N, C-alpha and C. Protein backbone atom coordinates (compact mmCIF):
# COMPACT_ATOMS: atom_id res chain seq x y z
N MET A 1 -66.36 163.75 135.19
CA MET A 1 -66.82 163.81 133.77
C MET A 1 -68.04 163.28 133.67
N GLY A 2 -69.08 163.99 133.01
CA GLY A 2 -70.26 163.52 132.70
C GLY A 2 -70.71 163.34 131.13
N ALA A 3 -71.81 162.55 130.87
CA ALA A 3 -72.07 162.50 129.37
C ALA A 3 -73.52 162.33 129.51
N ASP A 4 -74.05 162.88 128.52
CA ASP A 4 -75.49 162.70 128.28
C ASP A 4 -76.05 163.08 126.79
N ILE A 5 -77.12 162.67 126.37
CA ILE A 5 -77.67 163.31 125.13
C ILE A 5 -77.96 164.78 125.35
N ASN A 6 -78.48 165.17 126.55
CA ASN A 6 -79.01 166.36 126.87
C ASN A 6 -77.86 167.22 127.73
N PRO A 7 -77.45 168.44 127.42
CA PRO A 7 -76.78 169.10 128.28
C PRO A 7 -77.37 169.32 129.72
N PRO A 8 -76.55 169.68 130.72
CA PRO A 8 -76.81 169.91 132.04
C PRO A 8 -77.84 171.16 132.08
N THR A 9 -79.01 171.22 132.97
CA THR A 9 -79.83 172.22 132.97
C THR A 9 -79.22 173.35 133.64
N SER A 10 -78.30 173.05 134.53
CA SER A 10 -77.54 174.15 135.43
C SER A 10 -76.19 174.08 135.39
N GLN A 11 -75.38 175.01 135.66
CA GLN A 11 -73.99 175.00 135.72
C GLN A 11 -73.52 174.11 136.70
N PRO A 12 -72.53 173.29 136.51
CA PRO A 12 -71.87 172.40 137.61
C PRO A 12 -71.34 173.31 138.59
N THR A 13 -71.25 172.88 139.86
CA THR A 13 -70.52 173.67 140.85
C THR A 13 -69.17 173.50 140.95
N SER A 14 -68.58 172.36 140.37
CA SER A 14 -67.11 172.25 140.23
C SER A 14 -66.61 172.70 139.00
N SER A 15 -65.42 173.47 138.92
CA SER A 15 -64.89 173.79 137.75
C SER A 15 -64.23 172.75 137.18
N GLN A 16 -63.82 171.68 137.93
CA GLN A 16 -63.29 170.38 137.37
C GLN A 16 -64.27 169.56 136.55
N PHE A 17 -65.53 169.79 136.57
CA PHE A 17 -66.56 168.93 135.97
C PHE A 17 -66.59 169.19 134.51
N VAL A 18 -66.41 168.21 133.67
CA VAL A 18 -66.44 168.46 132.19
C VAL A 18 -67.60 167.49 131.67
N PHE A 19 -68.34 168.29 130.93
CA PHE A 19 -69.54 167.53 130.32
C PHE A 19 -69.34 167.33 128.62
N VAL A 20 -69.54 166.30 128.19
CA VAL A 20 -69.42 165.80 126.98
C VAL A 20 -70.65 165.33 126.25
N GLN A 21 -71.48 166.16 125.51
CA GLN A 21 -72.51 165.66 124.81
C GLN A 21 -72.39 164.55 124.16
N THR A 22 -73.18 163.30 124.46
CA THR A 22 -73.07 162.04 123.99
C THR A 22 -74.25 161.42 123.57
N ASN A 23 -74.47 160.81 122.33
CA ASN A 23 -75.58 160.15 122.18
C ASN A 23 -75.16 158.66 122.21
N VAL A 24 -75.42 158.03 123.18
CA VAL A 24 -74.78 156.50 123.48
C VAL A 24 -74.91 155.49 122.19
N THR A 25 -76.11 155.82 121.37
CA THR A 25 -76.25 154.88 120.31
C THR A 25 -75.28 155.03 119.16
N LYS A 26 -74.59 156.06 119.26
CA LYS A 26 -73.57 156.37 118.12
C LYS A 26 -72.00 156.19 118.56
N TRP A 27 -71.47 155.09 117.94
CA TRP A 27 -70.01 154.89 118.30
C TRP A 27 -69.04 155.90 118.38
N ALA A 28 -69.20 156.75 117.37
CA ALA A 28 -68.29 157.83 117.24
C ALA A 28 -68.51 158.83 118.52
N ASP A 29 -69.76 159.00 119.04
CA ASP A 29 -69.88 159.71 120.30
C ASP A 29 -69.34 158.94 121.46
N LEU A 30 -69.37 157.73 121.51
CA LEU A 30 -68.76 157.04 122.77
C LEU A 30 -67.23 157.15 122.63
N CYS A 31 -66.79 156.90 121.43
CA CYS A 31 -65.42 157.10 121.25
C CYS A 31 -64.85 158.42 121.60
N ALA A 32 -65.46 159.44 121.20
CA ALA A 32 -65.11 160.87 121.53
C ALA A 32 -65.07 161.03 123.07
N LEU A 33 -66.13 160.47 123.68
CA LEU A 33 -66.16 160.56 125.23
C LEU A 33 -65.01 160.03 125.87
N PHE A 34 -64.69 158.72 125.58
CA PHE A 34 -63.51 158.05 126.20
C PHE A 34 -62.33 158.90 125.79
N LYS A 35 -62.08 159.33 124.62
CA LYS A 35 -60.96 160.07 124.04
C LYS A 35 -60.76 161.28 125.05
N LYS A 36 -61.93 161.99 125.24
CA LYS A 36 -61.88 163.23 126.05
C LYS A 36 -61.36 162.83 127.57
N ALA A 37 -62.13 161.86 128.11
CA ALA A 37 -61.70 161.38 129.56
C ALA A 37 -60.49 161.19 129.71
N LYS A 38 -59.72 160.31 128.65
CA LYS A 38 -58.43 160.09 128.78
C LYS A 38 -57.45 161.39 128.64
N GLU A 39 -57.88 162.15 127.78
CA GLU A 39 -56.96 163.33 127.41
C GLU A 39 -57.02 164.33 128.57
N GLN A 40 -58.33 164.47 129.35
CA GLN A 40 -58.53 165.35 130.44
C GLN A 40 -57.96 164.90 131.71
N HIS A 41 -57.95 163.40 132.11
CA HIS A 41 -57.51 162.94 133.27
C HIS A 41 -56.25 162.15 133.24
N GLY A 42 -55.83 161.77 131.98
CA GLY A 42 -54.55 160.95 131.85
C GLY A 42 -54.95 159.35 131.96
N ARG A 43 -56.23 159.01 132.64
CA ARG A 43 -56.49 157.71 132.77
C ARG A 43 -57.98 157.40 132.92
N ILE A 44 -58.43 156.32 132.98
CA ILE A 44 -59.84 156.39 133.13
C ILE A 44 -59.97 155.00 134.06
N ASP A 45 -60.51 155.22 135.28
CA ASP A 45 -60.48 154.55 136.43
C ASP A 45 -61.93 153.69 136.54
N TYR A 46 -62.82 154.53 136.25
CA TYR A 46 -64.43 154.03 136.50
C TYR A 46 -65.17 154.50 135.35
N VAL A 47 -65.89 153.35 134.94
CA VAL A 47 -66.97 153.60 133.99
C VAL A 47 -68.26 153.21 134.49
N PHE A 48 -69.42 154.01 134.43
CA PHE A 48 -70.59 153.57 134.75
C PHE A 48 -71.56 153.85 133.57
N ALA A 49 -71.97 152.70 132.97
CA ALA A 49 -72.85 152.53 131.72
C ALA A 49 -74.29 152.51 132.43
N ASN A 50 -74.99 154.00 132.30
CA ASN A 50 -76.27 154.15 132.94
C ASN A 50 -77.35 154.72 131.99
N ALA A 51 -77.18 154.62 130.70
CA ALA A 51 -78.28 154.96 129.94
C ALA A 51 -79.31 153.83 129.82
N GLY A 52 -80.60 154.45 129.97
CA GLY A 52 -81.66 153.56 129.78
C GLY A 52 -83.02 154.14 129.19
N VAL A 53 -83.82 153.74 128.58
CA VAL A 53 -85.14 154.12 128.09
C VAL A 53 -86.08 153.09 128.28
N GLY A 54 -87.40 153.58 128.21
CA GLY A 54 -88.48 152.66 128.27
C GLY A 54 -88.88 152.27 126.80
N PRO A 55 -89.89 151.32 126.58
CA PRO A 55 -90.21 151.05 125.26
C PRO A 55 -90.49 152.15 124.52
N ARG A 56 -89.95 151.96 123.13
CA ARG A 56 -90.27 153.07 122.22
C ARG A 56 -90.91 152.74 120.88
N ALA A 57 -91.29 151.32 120.84
CA ALA A 57 -91.90 150.77 119.63
C ALA A 57 -92.97 149.75 119.91
N ASN A 58 -93.89 149.72 118.86
CA ASN A 58 -95.03 148.71 119.03
C ASN A 58 -94.83 147.78 117.76
N TYR A 59 -94.31 146.72 118.01
CA TYR A 59 -93.84 145.92 116.87
C TYR A 59 -95.02 145.32 116.22
N LEU A 60 -96.31 145.37 116.82
CA LEU A 60 -97.32 144.86 116.17
C LEU A 60 -98.13 145.89 115.30
N ALA A 61 -97.89 147.09 115.47
CA ALA A 61 -98.55 148.20 114.66
C ALA A 61 -97.57 148.34 113.37
N ILE A 62 -97.94 147.71 112.34
CA ILE A 62 -97.07 147.68 111.19
C ILE A 62 -97.54 149.12 110.54
N GLU A 63 -96.26 149.83 110.06
CA GLU A 63 -96.43 150.95 109.38
C GLU A 63 -95.97 151.02 108.12
N SER A 64 -96.53 151.88 107.26
CA SER A 64 -96.09 152.09 105.83
C SER A 64 -95.77 153.43 105.58
N ASP A 65 -94.81 153.66 104.61
CA ASP A 65 -94.53 155.06 104.08
C ASP A 65 -95.53 155.56 103.13
N ALA A 66 -95.22 156.66 102.56
CA ALA A 66 -96.26 157.34 101.61
C ALA A 66 -96.19 156.38 100.14
N ASN A 67 -95.44 155.59 100.05
CA ASN A 67 -95.04 154.72 98.73
C ASN A 67 -95.87 153.26 99.14
N GLY A 68 -96.10 153.15 100.46
CA GLY A 68 -96.76 151.79 100.78
C GLY A 68 -95.79 150.70 101.17
N ASP A 69 -94.40 151.08 101.22
CA ASP A 69 -93.51 150.39 101.83
C ASP A 69 -93.56 150.28 103.16
N LEU A 70 -93.18 149.02 103.79
CA LEU A 70 -92.97 148.83 105.33
C LEU A 70 -92.05 149.79 105.91
N VAL A 71 -92.06 150.42 106.93
CA VAL A 71 -91.07 150.97 107.73
C VAL A 71 -90.70 150.20 108.79
N GLU A 72 -89.55 150.34 108.85
CA GLU A 72 -88.48 149.49 109.77
C GLU A 72 -89.00 149.95 111.16
N PRO A 73 -89.22 148.91 112.02
CA PRO A 73 -89.58 149.20 113.40
C PRO A 73 -88.47 149.96 114.22
N SER A 74 -88.76 150.76 115.15
CA SER A 74 -87.61 151.49 116.05
C SER A 74 -87.00 150.36 116.76
N THR A 75 -85.58 150.48 116.89
CA THR A 75 -84.82 149.83 117.67
C THR A 75 -84.10 150.62 118.84
N GLU A 76 -84.83 151.71 119.01
CA GLU A 76 -84.07 152.59 120.07
C GLU A 76 -83.82 151.98 121.32
N THR A 77 -84.79 151.24 121.87
CA THR A 77 -84.87 150.65 123.14
C THR A 77 -83.78 149.61 123.24
N ILE A 78 -83.50 148.88 122.19
CA ILE A 78 -82.42 147.77 122.22
C ILE A 78 -81.10 148.62 121.84
N ASP A 79 -80.95 149.87 121.15
CA ASP A 79 -79.71 150.49 121.01
C ASP A 79 -79.28 151.19 122.33
N VAL A 80 -80.29 151.65 122.94
CA VAL A 80 -79.74 152.38 124.13
C VAL A 80 -79.58 151.30 125.38
N ASN A 81 -80.34 150.67 125.60
CA ASN A 81 -80.32 149.72 126.69
C ASN A 81 -79.54 148.48 126.66
N GLN A 82 -79.07 148.03 125.40
CA GLN A 82 -78.11 146.87 125.13
C GLN A 82 -77.01 147.20 124.35
N LYS A 83 -77.23 147.67 123.27
CA LYS A 83 -76.05 148.04 122.51
C LYS A 83 -75.11 148.89 122.96
N SER A 84 -75.64 150.00 123.49
CA SER A 84 -74.70 150.95 123.95
C SER A 84 -73.81 150.70 125.19
N VAL A 85 -74.47 149.67 126.02
CA VAL A 85 -73.99 149.07 127.15
C VAL A 85 -72.60 148.19 126.88
N LEU A 86 -73.08 147.43 125.58
CA LEU A 86 -72.01 146.57 125.17
C LEU A 86 -70.79 147.41 124.65
N ASN A 87 -71.12 148.38 123.94
CA ASN A 87 -70.25 149.31 123.16
C ASN A 87 -69.38 150.07 124.27
N THR A 88 -70.21 150.62 125.14
CA THR A 88 -69.42 151.21 126.38
C THR A 88 -68.30 150.16 127.20
N ALA A 89 -68.81 149.05 127.43
CA ALA A 89 -67.96 147.86 128.07
C ALA A 89 -66.65 147.82 127.12
N VAL A 90 -66.90 147.69 126.00
CA VAL A 90 -65.71 147.27 124.97
C VAL A 90 -64.81 148.49 125.00
N LEU A 91 -65.21 149.80 125.09
CA LEU A 91 -64.33 150.86 124.92
C LEU A 91 -63.67 151.03 126.35
N ALA A 92 -64.46 150.72 127.59
CA ALA A 92 -63.89 150.85 128.96
C ALA A 92 -62.48 149.77 128.87
N VAL A 93 -62.97 148.64 128.40
CA VAL A 93 -61.89 147.56 128.64
C VAL A 93 -60.76 147.95 127.78
N HIS A 94 -60.90 148.56 126.57
CA HIS A 94 -59.93 148.95 125.76
C HIS A 94 -58.85 150.02 126.30
N PHE A 95 -59.51 151.02 126.96
CA PHE A 95 -58.76 152.00 127.63
C PHE A 95 -58.26 151.65 128.91
N MET A 96 -58.78 150.69 129.72
CA MET A 96 -58.17 150.31 131.00
C MET A 96 -57.35 149.33 130.76
N LYS A 97 -57.04 148.58 129.76
CA LYS A 97 -56.14 147.79 129.53
C LYS A 97 -54.77 148.22 129.21
N GLU A 98 -54.76 149.46 128.97
CA GLU A 98 -53.59 150.23 128.81
C GLU A 98 -52.98 151.01 130.11
N GLN A 99 -53.73 150.59 131.21
CA GLN A 99 -53.20 151.06 132.47
C GLN A 99 -52.92 149.76 133.43
N ALA A 100 -51.67 149.65 134.12
CA ALA A 100 -51.26 148.84 134.72
C ALA A 100 -52.25 148.29 135.92
N GLU A 101 -52.94 149.33 136.30
CA GLU A 101 -53.82 149.06 137.51
C GLU A 101 -55.22 148.67 137.04
N GLY A 102 -55.47 148.84 135.60
CA GLY A 102 -56.95 148.36 135.42
C GLY A 102 -57.95 149.46 135.63
N GLY A 103 -59.08 149.01 135.96
CA GLY A 103 -60.04 150.05 136.25
C GLY A 103 -61.31 149.10 136.80
N SER A 104 -62.40 149.85 136.86
CA SER A 104 -63.82 149.14 137.32
C SER A 104 -64.83 149.68 136.27
N ILE A 105 -65.61 148.62 135.86
CA ILE A 105 -66.68 148.93 135.12
C ILE A 105 -68.01 148.62 135.83
N VAL A 106 -69.13 149.59 135.85
CA VAL A 106 -70.24 149.07 136.38
C VAL A 106 -71.41 149.34 135.29
N LEU A 107 -72.11 148.15 135.03
CA LEU A 107 -73.00 148.35 134.08
C LEU A 107 -74.33 148.11 134.76
N MET A 108 -75.15 149.20 134.74
CA MET A 108 -76.46 149.26 135.52
C MET A 108 -77.62 149.12 134.35
N GLY A 109 -78.55 148.29 134.91
CA GLY A 109 -79.92 148.21 134.01
C GLY A 109 -80.82 149.45 134.56
N SER A 110 -81.54 149.91 133.53
CA SER A 110 -82.62 150.62 133.82
C SER A 110 -83.86 149.95 134.75
N SER A 111 -84.45 150.83 135.35
CA SER A 111 -85.30 150.08 136.30
C SER A 111 -86.67 149.80 135.55
N ILE A 112 -86.62 150.12 134.26
CA ILE A 112 -87.81 149.76 133.40
C ILE A 112 -87.76 148.29 133.07
N GLY A 113 -86.64 147.77 133.16
CA GLY A 113 -86.23 146.12 133.09
C GLY A 113 -87.01 145.31 134.10
N LEU A 114 -87.29 146.13 135.24
CA LEU A 114 -88.04 145.39 136.26
C LEU A 114 -89.70 145.49 136.22
N ALA A 115 -90.02 146.60 135.46
CA ALA A 115 -91.54 146.65 135.46
C ALA A 115 -92.06 145.99 134.18
N ARG A 116 -93.37 145.90 134.40
CA ARG A 116 -94.23 145.29 133.18
C ARG A 116 -94.17 146.32 131.97
N ALA A 117 -93.68 146.01 130.91
CA ALA A 117 -93.53 146.92 129.76
C ALA A 117 -94.76 146.61 129.03
N ARG A 118 -95.26 147.85 128.28
CA ARG A 118 -96.32 147.78 127.42
C ARG A 118 -95.95 147.23 125.94
N ALA A 119 -94.69 147.26 125.59
CA ALA A 119 -94.28 146.66 124.13
C ALA A 119 -93.63 145.45 124.54
N VAL A 120 -93.43 144.95 123.19
CA VAL A 120 -92.49 143.59 123.25
C VAL A 120 -91.15 143.84 122.98
N ASP A 121 -90.57 144.87 123.23
CA ASP A 121 -89.04 144.94 122.78
C ASP A 121 -88.23 143.99 123.26
N TYR A 122 -88.38 143.14 124.23
CA TYR A 122 -87.51 142.12 124.45
C TYR A 122 -87.94 140.75 124.48
N CYS A 123 -89.35 140.62 124.00
CA CYS A 123 -90.15 139.26 124.11
C CYS A 123 -90.36 138.65 122.81
N LYS A 124 -90.43 137.42 122.95
CA LYS A 124 -90.90 136.66 121.72
C LYS A 124 -92.28 136.67 121.54
N PHE A 125 -92.71 136.76 120.55
CA PHE A 125 -94.46 136.79 120.34
C PHE A 125 -94.62 136.01 119.09
N GLU A 126 -95.97 135.26 119.13
CA GLU A 126 -96.51 134.66 117.97
C GLU A 126 -97.84 135.08 117.55
N LEU A 127 -98.02 135.23 116.23
CA LEU A 127 -99.27 135.75 115.88
C LEU A 127 -99.95 134.46 115.50
N GLU A 128 -101.24 134.50 115.64
CA GLU A 128 -102.34 133.40 115.17
C GLU A 128 -103.23 134.12 114.12
N ARG A 129 -103.50 133.15 113.18
CA ARG A 129 -104.34 133.64 112.15
C ARG A 129 -105.60 133.21 112.52
């Protein structure tokens, strides 16, 4: 079973492969994915949370809308790299607790977490006047 925001670019070679289009930042999509996995296979033994994106916001570039009101900064990086991993783990624990044998959860970080980032998505910063 596979999930991603984008469908596969080619047909899977196995007829047993099931793809569920999933935006990991949406709770409803994650719930639908877990329900489909349980329905398809009767159990969930392994969960790999492997979504990750690089910096998507520049928090120092304050933007305004047409009315002059401040625009909320993007939280996409945090939503994908942190929130979705936590939500995936919560759902995995829920479904695996229903099984006597439990299961395994693997939470993987994006390689961008090891590289110098151009944005301050995870950093504290101070402004001087």
